Every structure is written in structure tokens, then in C-alpha cells.
N, C-alpha and C. Protein backbone atom coordinates (compact mmCIF):
# COMPACT_ATOMS: atom_id res chain seq x y z
N UNK A 1 -8.82 12.56 -23.75
CA UNK A 1 -9.10 11.62 -22.69
C UNK A 1 -10.27 10.75 -23.13
N UNK A 2 -10.22 9.48 -22.86
CA UNK A 2 -11.28 8.59 -23.30
C UNK A 2 -12.51 8.74 -22.41
N UNK A 3 -13.65 8.27 -22.89
CA UNK A 3 -14.90 8.41 -22.16
C UNK A 3 -14.88 7.63 -20.85
N UNK A 4 -14.21 6.49 -20.83
CA UNK A 4 -14.15 5.67 -19.62
C UNK A 4 -13.39 6.40 -18.51
N UNK A 5 -12.32 7.09 -18.88
CA UNK A 5 -11.52 7.81 -17.89
C UNK A 5 -12.30 8.96 -17.28
N UNK A 6 -13.17 9.58 -18.06
CA UNK A 6 -13.97 10.69 -17.53
C UNK A 6 -15.03 10.20 -16.55
N UNK A 7 -15.49 8.96 -16.70
CA UNK A 7 -16.52 8.44 -15.82
C UNK A 7 -15.98 7.97 -14.49
N UNK A 8 -14.69 7.69 -14.41
CA UNK A 8 -14.12 7.25 -13.15
C UNK A 8 -14.11 8.39 -12.13
N UNK A 9 -14.44 8.11 -10.88
CA UNK A 9 -14.29 9.15 -9.86
C UNK A 9 -12.82 9.54 -9.72
N UNK A 10 -12.59 10.75 -9.30
CA UNK A 10 -11.21 11.24 -9.21
C UNK A 10 -10.39 10.42 -8.22
N UNK A 11 -11.03 9.91 -7.18
CA UNK A 11 -10.29 9.10 -6.20
C UNK A 11 -9.83 7.78 -6.83
N UNK A 12 -10.66 7.18 -7.66
CA UNK A 12 -10.27 5.93 -8.33
C UNK A 12 -9.15 6.18 -9.34
N UNK A 13 -9.22 7.30 -10.05
CA UNK A 13 -8.14 7.65 -10.98
C UNK A 13 -6.85 7.88 -10.23
N UNK A 14 -6.92 8.57 -9.11
CA UNK A 14 -5.74 8.85 -8.31
C UNK A 14 -5.11 7.55 -7.81
N UNK A 15 -5.96 6.61 -7.35
CA UNK A 15 -5.46 5.32 -6.90
C UNK A 15 -4.78 4.56 -8.03
N UNK A 16 -5.42 4.51 -9.19
CA UNK A 16 -4.87 3.76 -10.32
C UNK A 16 -3.54 4.35 -10.77
N UNK A 17 -3.48 5.67 -10.87
CA UNK A 17 -2.23 6.31 -11.30
C UNK A 17 -1.12 6.12 -10.26
N UNK A 18 -1.46 6.18 -8.98
CA UNK A 18 -0.45 5.99 -7.94
C UNK A 18 0.03 4.55 -7.91
N UNK A 19 -0.86 3.59 -8.15
CA UNK A 19 -0.44 2.19 -8.18
C UNK A 19 0.49 1.94 -9.35
N UNK A 20 0.18 2.51 -10.51
CA UNK A 20 1.05 2.33 -11.68
C UNK A 20 2.38 3.04 -11.46
N UNK A 21 2.34 4.27 -10.95
CA UNK A 21 3.59 5.01 -10.72
C UNK A 21 4.44 4.34 -9.64
N UNK A 22 3.82 3.92 -8.53
CA UNK A 22 4.56 3.25 -7.47
C UNK A 22 5.16 1.93 -7.93
N UNK A 23 4.39 1.16 -8.70
CA UNK A 23 4.92 -0.09 -9.22
C UNK A 23 6.07 0.12 -10.20
N UNK A 24 5.93 1.15 -11.03
CA UNK A 24 7.01 1.45 -11.98
C UNK A 24 8.28 1.89 -11.23
N UNK A 25 8.11 2.67 -10.17
CA UNK A 25 9.27 3.08 -9.38
C UNK A 25 9.92 1.89 -8.69
N UNK A 26 9.10 0.95 -8.20
CA UNK A 26 9.68 -0.24 -7.57
C UNK A 26 10.49 -1.05 -8.59
N UNK A 27 9.92 -1.25 -9.76
CA UNK A 27 10.63 -2.03 -10.78
C UNK A 27 11.88 -1.30 -11.25
N UNK A 28 11.77 0.01 -11.45
CA UNK A 28 12.94 0.80 -11.87
C UNK A 28 14.04 0.74 -10.82
N UNK A 29 13.65 0.89 -9.55
CA UNK A 29 14.63 0.86 -8.47
C UNK A 29 15.33 -0.49 -8.35
N UNK A 30 14.65 -1.57 -8.71
CA UNK A 30 15.28 -2.89 -8.65
C UNK A 30 16.35 -3.04 -9.73
N UNK A 31 16.20 -2.33 -10.83
CA UNK A 31 17.18 -2.43 -11.92
C UNK A 31 18.30 -1.39 -11.83
N UNK A 32 18.15 -0.39 -11.01
CA UNK A 32 19.21 0.61 -10.81
C UNK A 32 20.23 0.07 -9.80
N UNK A 33 21.44 0.65 -9.78
CA UNK A 33 22.45 0.18 -8.81
C UNK A 33 22.06 0.51 -7.37
N UNK A 34 22.24 -0.47 -6.51
CA UNK A 34 22.02 -0.26 -5.08
C UNK A 34 23.32 0.12 -4.39
N UNK A 35 24.42 -0.33 -4.94
CA UNK A 35 25.74 -0.08 -4.39
C UNK A 35 26.73 -0.17 -5.54
N UNK A 36 27.74 0.69 -5.51
CA UNK A 36 28.79 0.60 -6.53
C UNK A 36 30.13 0.43 -5.83
N UNK A 37 31.03 -0.24 -6.51
CA UNK A 37 32.39 -0.43 -6.01
C UNK A 37 33.36 0.24 -6.97
N UNK A 38 34.54 0.51 -6.48
CA UNK A 38 35.61 1.15 -7.26
C UNK A 38 35.14 2.48 -7.85
N UNK A 39 34.55 3.31 -6.99
CA UNK A 39 34.10 4.67 -7.33
C UNK A 39 33.12 4.67 -8.51
N UNK A 40 32.23 3.70 -8.55
CA UNK A 40 31.20 3.66 -9.57
C UNK A 40 31.50 2.80 -10.77
N UNK A 41 32.67 2.17 -10.84
CA UNK A 41 33.02 1.36 -12.00
C UNK A 41 32.31 0.01 -12.02
N UNK A 42 31.96 -0.51 -10.85
CA UNK A 42 31.32 -1.82 -10.77
C UNK A 42 29.97 -1.67 -10.04
N UNK A 43 28.86 -1.49 -10.78
CA UNK A 43 27.56 -1.33 -10.12
C UNK A 43 26.98 -2.68 -9.68
N UNK A 44 26.38 -2.69 -8.53
CA UNK A 44 25.68 -3.87 -8.02
C UNK A 44 24.19 -3.56 -8.02
N UNK A 45 23.48 -4.09 -9.01
CA UNK A 45 22.05 -3.84 -9.17
C UNK A 45 21.24 -4.80 -8.32
N UNK A 46 20.03 -4.40 -8.01
CA UNK A 46 19.19 -5.23 -7.16
C UNK A 46 18.77 -6.54 -7.78
N UNK A 47 18.59 -6.57 -9.10
CA UNK A 47 18.09 -7.79 -9.75
C UNK A 47 19.16 -8.87 -9.84
N UNK A 48 20.36 -8.60 -9.34
CA UNK A 48 21.39 -9.64 -9.30
C UNK A 48 21.02 -10.74 -8.30
N UNK A 49 20.22 -10.40 -7.31
CA UNK A 49 19.82 -11.36 -6.28
C UNK A 49 18.31 -11.45 -6.15
N UNK A 50 17.87 -12.30 -5.25
CA UNK A 50 16.45 -12.53 -5.08
C UNK A 50 15.72 -11.33 -4.49
N UNK A 51 16.40 -10.56 -3.66
CA UNK A 51 15.73 -9.41 -3.04
C UNK A 51 15.26 -8.42 -4.10
N UNK A 52 16.11 -8.10 -5.05
CA UNK A 52 15.73 -7.17 -6.11
C UNK A 52 14.69 -7.76 -7.03
N UNK A 53 14.76 -9.07 -7.27
CA UNK A 53 13.75 -9.71 -8.12
C UNK A 53 12.38 -9.69 -7.45
N UNK A 54 12.35 -9.85 -6.13
CA UNK A 54 11.07 -9.77 -5.42
C UNK A 54 10.49 -8.36 -5.53
N UNK A 55 11.33 -7.34 -5.39
CA UNK A 55 10.84 -5.96 -5.53
C UNK A 55 10.38 -5.68 -6.96
N UNK A 56 11.10 -6.19 -7.96
CA UNK A 56 10.69 -5.98 -9.35
C UNK A 56 9.37 -6.68 -9.64
N UNK A 57 9.20 -7.91 -9.13
CA UNK A 57 7.95 -8.64 -9.35
C UNK A 57 6.79 -7.95 -8.63
N UNK A 58 7.03 -7.46 -7.42
CA UNK A 58 5.99 -6.72 -6.71
C UNK A 58 5.62 -5.44 -7.42
N UNK A 59 6.61 -4.77 -8.01
CA UNK A 59 6.31 -3.58 -8.81
C UNK A 59 5.47 -3.91 -10.03
N UNK A 60 5.78 -5.03 -10.67
CA UNK A 60 4.99 -5.44 -11.84
C UNK A 60 3.55 -5.76 -11.44
N UNK A 61 3.36 -6.41 -10.28
CA UNK A 61 2.00 -6.71 -9.81
C UNK A 61 1.25 -5.41 -9.52
N UNK A 62 1.92 -4.42 -8.93
CA UNK A 62 1.26 -3.14 -8.65
C UNK A 62 0.88 -2.40 -9.94
N UNK A 63 1.73 -2.48 -10.96
CA UNK A 63 1.40 -1.86 -12.25
C UNK A 63 0.17 -2.53 -12.85
N UNK A 64 0.15 -3.85 -12.85
CA UNK A 64 -1.01 -4.58 -13.39
C UNK A 64 -2.27 -4.27 -12.58
N UNK A 65 -2.15 -4.22 -11.26
CA UNK A 65 -3.30 -3.89 -10.41
C UNK A 65 -3.78 -2.46 -10.66
N UNK A 66 -2.86 -1.54 -10.90
CA UNK A 66 -3.26 -0.17 -11.20
C UNK A 66 -4.01 -0.07 -12.51
N UNK A 67 -3.55 -0.79 -13.52
CA UNK A 67 -4.26 -0.80 -14.81
C UNK A 67 -5.62 -1.46 -14.63
N UNK A 68 -5.67 -2.54 -13.87
CA UNK A 68 -6.94 -3.22 -13.61
C UNK A 68 -7.89 -2.29 -12.85
N UNK A 69 -7.36 -1.55 -11.87
CA UNK A 69 -8.18 -0.60 -11.12
C UNK A 69 -8.68 0.55 -11.98
N UNK A 70 -7.95 0.89 -13.02
CA UNK A 70 -8.38 1.95 -13.94
C UNK A 70 -9.52 1.43 -14.83
N UNK A 71 -9.37 0.18 -15.30
CA UNK A 71 -10.36 -0.37 -16.21
C UNK A 71 -11.61 -0.88 -15.49
N UNK A 72 -11.42 -1.56 -14.37
CA UNK A 72 -12.54 -2.13 -13.61
C UNK A 72 -12.31 -1.87 -12.12
N UNK A 73 -12.70 -0.72 -11.62
CA UNK A 73 -12.46 -0.42 -10.19
C UNK A 73 -13.18 -1.43 -9.29
N UNK A 74 -12.43 -1.96 -8.35
CA UNK A 74 -12.98 -2.90 -7.38
C UNK A 74 -12.23 -2.72 -6.07
N UNK A 75 -12.91 -2.90 -4.94
CA UNK A 75 -12.22 -2.72 -3.65
C UNK A 75 -11.13 -3.76 -3.43
N UNK A 76 -11.26 -4.95 -4.01
CA UNK A 76 -10.24 -5.98 -3.84
C UNK A 76 -8.90 -5.58 -4.41
N UNK A 77 -8.93 -4.85 -5.53
CA UNK A 77 -7.68 -4.39 -6.15
C UNK A 77 -6.97 -3.41 -5.22
N UNK A 78 -7.73 -2.55 -4.61
CA UNK A 78 -7.14 -1.58 -3.67
C UNK A 78 -6.51 -2.28 -2.48
N UNK A 79 -7.17 -3.33 -1.98
CA UNK A 79 -6.62 -4.10 -0.86
C UNK A 79 -5.31 -4.77 -1.26
N UNK A 80 -5.27 -5.34 -2.46
CA UNK A 80 -4.05 -6.02 -2.92
C UNK A 80 -2.88 -5.04 -2.98
N UNK A 81 -3.13 -3.87 -3.57
CA UNK A 81 -2.05 -2.88 -3.70
C UNK A 81 -1.62 -2.37 -2.33
N UNK A 82 -2.57 -2.14 -1.43
CA UNK A 82 -2.22 -1.64 -0.09
C UNK A 82 -1.39 -2.66 0.68
N UNK A 83 -1.81 -3.92 0.66
CA UNK A 83 -1.07 -4.95 1.40
C UNK A 83 0.28 -5.24 0.76
N UNK A 84 0.30 -5.37 -0.56
CA UNK A 84 1.57 -5.65 -1.24
C UNK A 84 2.54 -4.49 -1.10
N UNK A 85 2.04 -3.27 -1.28
CA UNK A 85 2.91 -2.09 -1.14
C UNK A 85 3.45 -1.95 0.28
N UNK A 86 2.61 -2.20 1.28
CA UNK A 86 3.06 -2.13 2.66
C UNK A 86 4.10 -3.20 2.98
N UNK A 87 3.85 -4.41 2.49
CA UNK A 87 4.82 -5.49 2.73
C UNK A 87 6.15 -5.20 2.05
N UNK A 88 6.08 -4.70 0.81
CA UNK A 88 7.33 -4.39 0.09
C UNK A 88 8.03 -3.18 0.69
N UNK A 89 7.28 -2.23 1.23
CA UNK A 89 7.92 -1.09 1.89
C UNK A 89 8.66 -1.56 3.15
N UNK A 90 8.04 -2.41 3.93
CA UNK A 90 8.71 -2.96 5.11
C UNK A 90 9.94 -3.78 4.74
N UNK A 91 9.79 -4.61 3.70
CA UNK A 91 10.92 -5.40 3.21
C UNK A 91 12.04 -4.50 2.72
N UNK A 92 11.68 -3.44 2.02
CA UNK A 92 12.68 -2.50 1.50
C UNK A 92 13.40 -1.74 2.60
N UNK A 93 12.68 -1.38 3.64
CA UNK A 93 13.32 -0.69 4.77
C UNK A 93 14.31 -1.63 5.46
N UNK A 94 13.93 -2.89 5.60
CA UNK A 94 14.87 -3.87 6.16
C UNK A 94 16.10 -4.01 5.25
N UNK A 95 15.89 -4.00 3.94
CA UNK A 95 17.02 -4.07 3.01
C UNK A 95 17.92 -2.84 3.10
N UNK A 96 17.33 -1.67 3.33
CA UNK A 96 18.13 -0.45 3.49
C UNK A 96 19.02 -0.56 4.72
N UNK A 97 18.48 -1.08 5.80
CA UNK A 97 19.30 -1.27 7.01
C UNK A 97 20.46 -2.22 6.71
N UNK A 98 20.17 -3.32 6.02
CA UNK A 98 21.22 -4.27 5.67
C UNK A 98 22.25 -3.66 4.72
N UNK A 99 21.76 -2.80 3.80
CA UNK A 99 22.67 -2.13 2.87
C UNK A 99 23.62 -1.20 3.61
N UNK A 100 23.11 -0.46 4.59
CA UNK A 100 23.98 0.42 5.36
C UNK A 100 25.02 -0.37 6.17
N UNK A 101 24.62 -1.52 6.69
CA UNK A 101 25.58 -2.35 7.43
C UNK A 101 26.68 -2.84 6.48
N UNK A 102 26.29 -3.30 5.31
CA UNK A 102 27.28 -3.76 4.32
C UNK A 102 28.17 -2.62 3.87
N UNK A 103 27.58 -1.46 3.64
CA UNK A 103 28.34 -0.29 3.20
C UNK A 103 29.38 0.11 4.25
N UNK A 104 28.99 0.04 5.52
CA UNK A 104 29.93 0.40 6.58
C UNK A 104 31.12 -0.56 6.62
N UNK A 105 30.85 -1.84 6.39
CA UNK A 105 31.95 -2.82 6.39
C UNK A 105 32.84 -2.66 5.15
N UNK A 106 32.24 -2.38 4.01
CA UNK A 106 33.04 -2.21 2.80
C UNK A 106 33.87 -0.93 2.82
N UNK A 107 33.35 0.08 3.49
CA UNK A 107 34.06 1.36 3.56
C UNK A 107 35.37 1.25 4.33
N UNK A 108 35.51 0.21 5.13
CA UNK A 108 36.75 0.00 5.90
C UNK A 108 37.92 -0.35 4.99
N UNK A 109 37.63 -0.87 3.79
CA UNK A 109 38.68 -1.22 2.84
C UNK A 109 38.86 -0.06 1.86
N UNK A 110 40.00 0.65 1.90
CA UNK A 110 40.17 1.81 1.03
C UNK A 110 40.30 1.47 -0.45
N UNK A 111 40.54 0.21 -0.78
CA UNK A 111 40.68 -0.17 -2.19
C UNK A 111 39.32 -0.32 -2.90
N UNK A 112 38.26 -0.55 -2.17
CA UNK A 112 36.96 -0.81 -2.78
C UNK A 112 36.22 0.47 -3.19
N UNK A 113 36.38 1.53 -2.45
CA UNK A 113 35.71 2.82 -2.65
C UNK A 113 34.21 2.61 -2.93
N UNK A 114 33.45 2.11 -1.93
CA UNK A 114 32.02 1.87 -2.15
C UNK A 114 31.21 3.16 -2.14
N UNK A 115 30.14 3.18 -2.89
CA UNK A 115 29.20 4.31 -2.91
C UNK A 115 27.79 3.74 -2.94
N UNK A 116 26.89 4.38 -2.24
CA UNK A 116 25.49 3.96 -2.26
C UNK A 116 24.86 4.40 -3.58
N UNK A 117 24.06 3.53 -4.15
CA UNK A 117 23.33 3.86 -5.37
C UNK A 117 21.90 4.26 -5.04
N UNK A 118 21.18 4.78 -6.03
CA UNK A 118 19.82 5.27 -5.77
C UNK A 118 18.74 4.19 -5.85
N UNK A 119 19.05 3.00 -6.34
CA UNK A 119 18.03 2.03 -6.69
C UNK A 119 17.11 1.61 -5.56
N UNK A 120 17.67 1.20 -4.44
CA UNK A 120 16.84 0.71 -3.34
C UNK A 120 15.98 1.82 -2.75
N UNK A 121 16.49 3.02 -2.69
CA UNK A 121 15.72 4.14 -2.15
C UNK A 121 14.54 4.48 -3.06
N UNK A 122 14.75 4.39 -4.37
CA UNK A 122 13.66 4.64 -5.33
C UNK A 122 12.61 3.54 -5.22
N UNK A 123 13.04 2.30 -5.06
CA UNK A 123 12.10 1.19 -4.93
C UNK A 123 11.24 1.33 -3.67
N UNK A 124 11.84 1.71 -2.57
CA UNK A 124 11.08 1.89 -1.33
C UNK A 124 10.14 3.08 -1.45
N UNK A 125 10.57 4.15 -2.10
CA UNK A 125 9.67 5.29 -2.31
C UNK A 125 8.47 4.88 -3.15
N UNK A 126 8.69 4.07 -4.16
CA UNK A 126 7.58 3.58 -4.97
C UNK A 126 6.62 2.71 -4.17
N UNK A 127 7.15 1.86 -3.31
CA UNK A 127 6.29 1.02 -2.47
C UNK A 127 5.47 1.87 -1.52
N UNK A 128 6.07 2.91 -0.97
CA UNK A 128 5.34 3.80 -0.06
C UNK A 128 4.25 4.58 -0.79
N UNK A 129 4.54 5.02 -2.01
CA UNK A 129 3.52 5.74 -2.81
C UNK A 129 2.34 4.84 -3.08
N UNK A 130 2.60 3.63 -3.54
CA UNK A 130 1.51 2.70 -3.87
C UNK A 130 0.71 2.33 -2.62
N UNK A 131 1.39 2.00 -1.54
CA UNK A 131 0.71 1.56 -0.32
C UNK A 131 -0.09 2.68 0.32
N UNK A 132 0.51 3.86 0.42
CA UNK A 132 -0.18 4.96 1.10
C UNK A 132 -1.40 5.43 0.33
N UNK A 133 -1.30 5.50 -0.98
CA UNK A 133 -2.45 5.95 -1.77
C UNK A 133 -3.56 4.91 -1.75
N UNK A 134 -3.20 3.64 -1.81
CA UNK A 134 -4.23 2.60 -1.79
C UNK A 134 -4.88 2.51 -0.41
N UNK A 135 -4.09 2.62 0.65
CA UNK A 135 -4.63 2.50 2.00
C UNK A 135 -5.46 3.71 2.39
N UNK A 136 -5.25 4.83 1.74
CA UNK A 136 -5.96 6.06 2.08
C UNK A 136 -7.46 5.92 1.91
N UNK A 137 -7.91 5.20 0.92
CA UNK A 137 -9.34 5.09 0.67
C UNK A 137 -9.95 3.76 1.07
N UNK A 138 -9.26 2.95 1.86
CA UNK A 138 -9.80 1.62 2.19
C UNK A 138 -11.00 1.68 3.11
N UNK A 139 -11.03 2.58 4.05
CA UNK A 139 -12.12 2.61 5.01
C UNK A 139 -13.38 3.29 4.50
N UNK A 140 -13.32 3.92 3.35
CA UNK A 140 -14.47 4.65 2.84
C UNK A 140 -15.39 3.74 2.04
N UNK A 141 -16.66 4.08 2.07
CA UNK A 141 -17.61 3.37 1.21
C UNK A 141 -17.62 4.04 -0.15
N UNK A 142 -18.02 3.30 -1.15
CA UNK A 142 -18.06 3.85 -2.50
C UNK A 142 -19.05 5.00 -2.59
N UNK A 143 -20.24 4.86 -2.00
CA UNK A 143 -21.24 5.91 -2.05
C UNK A 143 -22.01 5.86 -0.75
N UNK A 144 -21.63 6.68 0.20
CA UNK A 144 -22.27 6.63 1.52
C UNK A 144 -23.66 7.20 1.50
N UNK A 145 -24.03 7.99 0.47
CA UNK A 145 -25.38 8.55 0.41
C UNK A 145 -26.40 7.51 -0.03
N UNK A 146 -25.95 6.36 -0.54
CA UNK A 146 -26.85 5.34 -1.03
C UNK A 146 -27.25 4.36 0.06
N UNK A 147 -26.82 4.60 1.30
CA UNK A 147 -27.16 3.69 2.40
C UNK A 147 -28.62 3.91 2.77
N UNK A 148 -29.37 2.84 2.81
CA UNK A 148 -30.78 2.90 3.13
C UNK A 148 -30.94 2.66 4.62
N UNK A 149 -31.63 3.56 5.26
CA UNK A 149 -31.91 3.38 6.67
C UNK A 149 -33.42 3.17 6.83
N UNK A 150 -33.77 2.30 7.71
CA UNK A 150 -35.20 2.05 7.93
C UNK A 150 -35.57 2.58 9.29
N UNK A 151 -36.74 3.17 9.33
CA UNK A 151 -37.25 3.69 10.59
C UNK A 151 -37.90 2.54 11.36
N UNK A 152 -37.79 2.55 12.67
CA UNK A 152 -38.43 1.48 13.45
C UNK A 152 -39.95 1.58 13.31
N UNK A 153 -40.60 0.43 13.24
CA UNK A 153 -42.06 0.38 13.10
C UNK A 153 -42.69 0.60 14.46
N UNK A 154 -43.73 1.43 14.50
CA UNK A 154 -44.41 1.62 15.79
C UNK A 154 -45.21 0.37 16.13
N UNK A 155 -45.20 0.01 17.39
CA UNK A 155 -45.90 -1.21 17.81
C UNK A 155 -47.31 -0.94 18.24
């Protein structure tokens, strides 16, 4: 382990690793099939459309922010990951609802044999990991023992 990694507080390391892992899961989920037709012969991946590209780009931003948070911890990086992860998690949940609606309509045709793929679920799990870990430490101060309090002066 490098000397810089040993100097980071464990909470900062946990945030950086979760941001990188969550971003990687989002990007991976965008490239995996979200739905397959003809019993798995024709996969429909997320990056075929703009929705999957948005999730992949958000995952890439979270990976970069996690690396940045590892190298130079700053509260702004944590805010970016928390807000982006939360927004992408909400967007992904909306996409899951739309996917189930589409799946229900496609299932009515026995020739298509649709199956749900793992991609969108993995992407949403990654967004939740990144957002929850980043948001967990937002309200805390970096070092609460360093707060200087002054006693009132007697008049």
C-alpha cells in the first residue's frame, strides 16, 4: 500500500472506493443487456440509446470523482458523487418501471420470447452504492475536535 493511502482516513478511503465501485457498476450495467428477445438470441443493451449512454457517462464521472477523492479529498467531490448518484438512481428506477411496462407488452407476443437482462438492475445498484456512501458522510465535519470555542468576556 502506498504512503498516501495510509494517510487517508478510513472514511475517505471508503468513500473513494465506493464511488469507483459504484461508477464501474453503472458503466458495466449500461453495457450489459437490459432486455433480450428470442430467448436471449437478440440482446438489447443500454448503450443502444441515450438512456444507457447517460448512465455510462454518469458512471464514468463517479469513477473519476472517486479517484480524485482518493488523491485529493475534498467535500465538493463528495457532494458531486452524492447528487449525481442520487439523480442517476432515481433515473434508473424510472427506467426500471418503463422496462417492466415494455416487457409486459412484449410478453403478449409468443414469438418474441422476451427476457429481462441484468444490466439496468446492476446500473441502479451501482448508483445506489455511490450515492448512499457519499451521502453518509456529508453532514459530518472533517475534524470536530478542532472547533475553537470562545468563552464570553466578563463585563
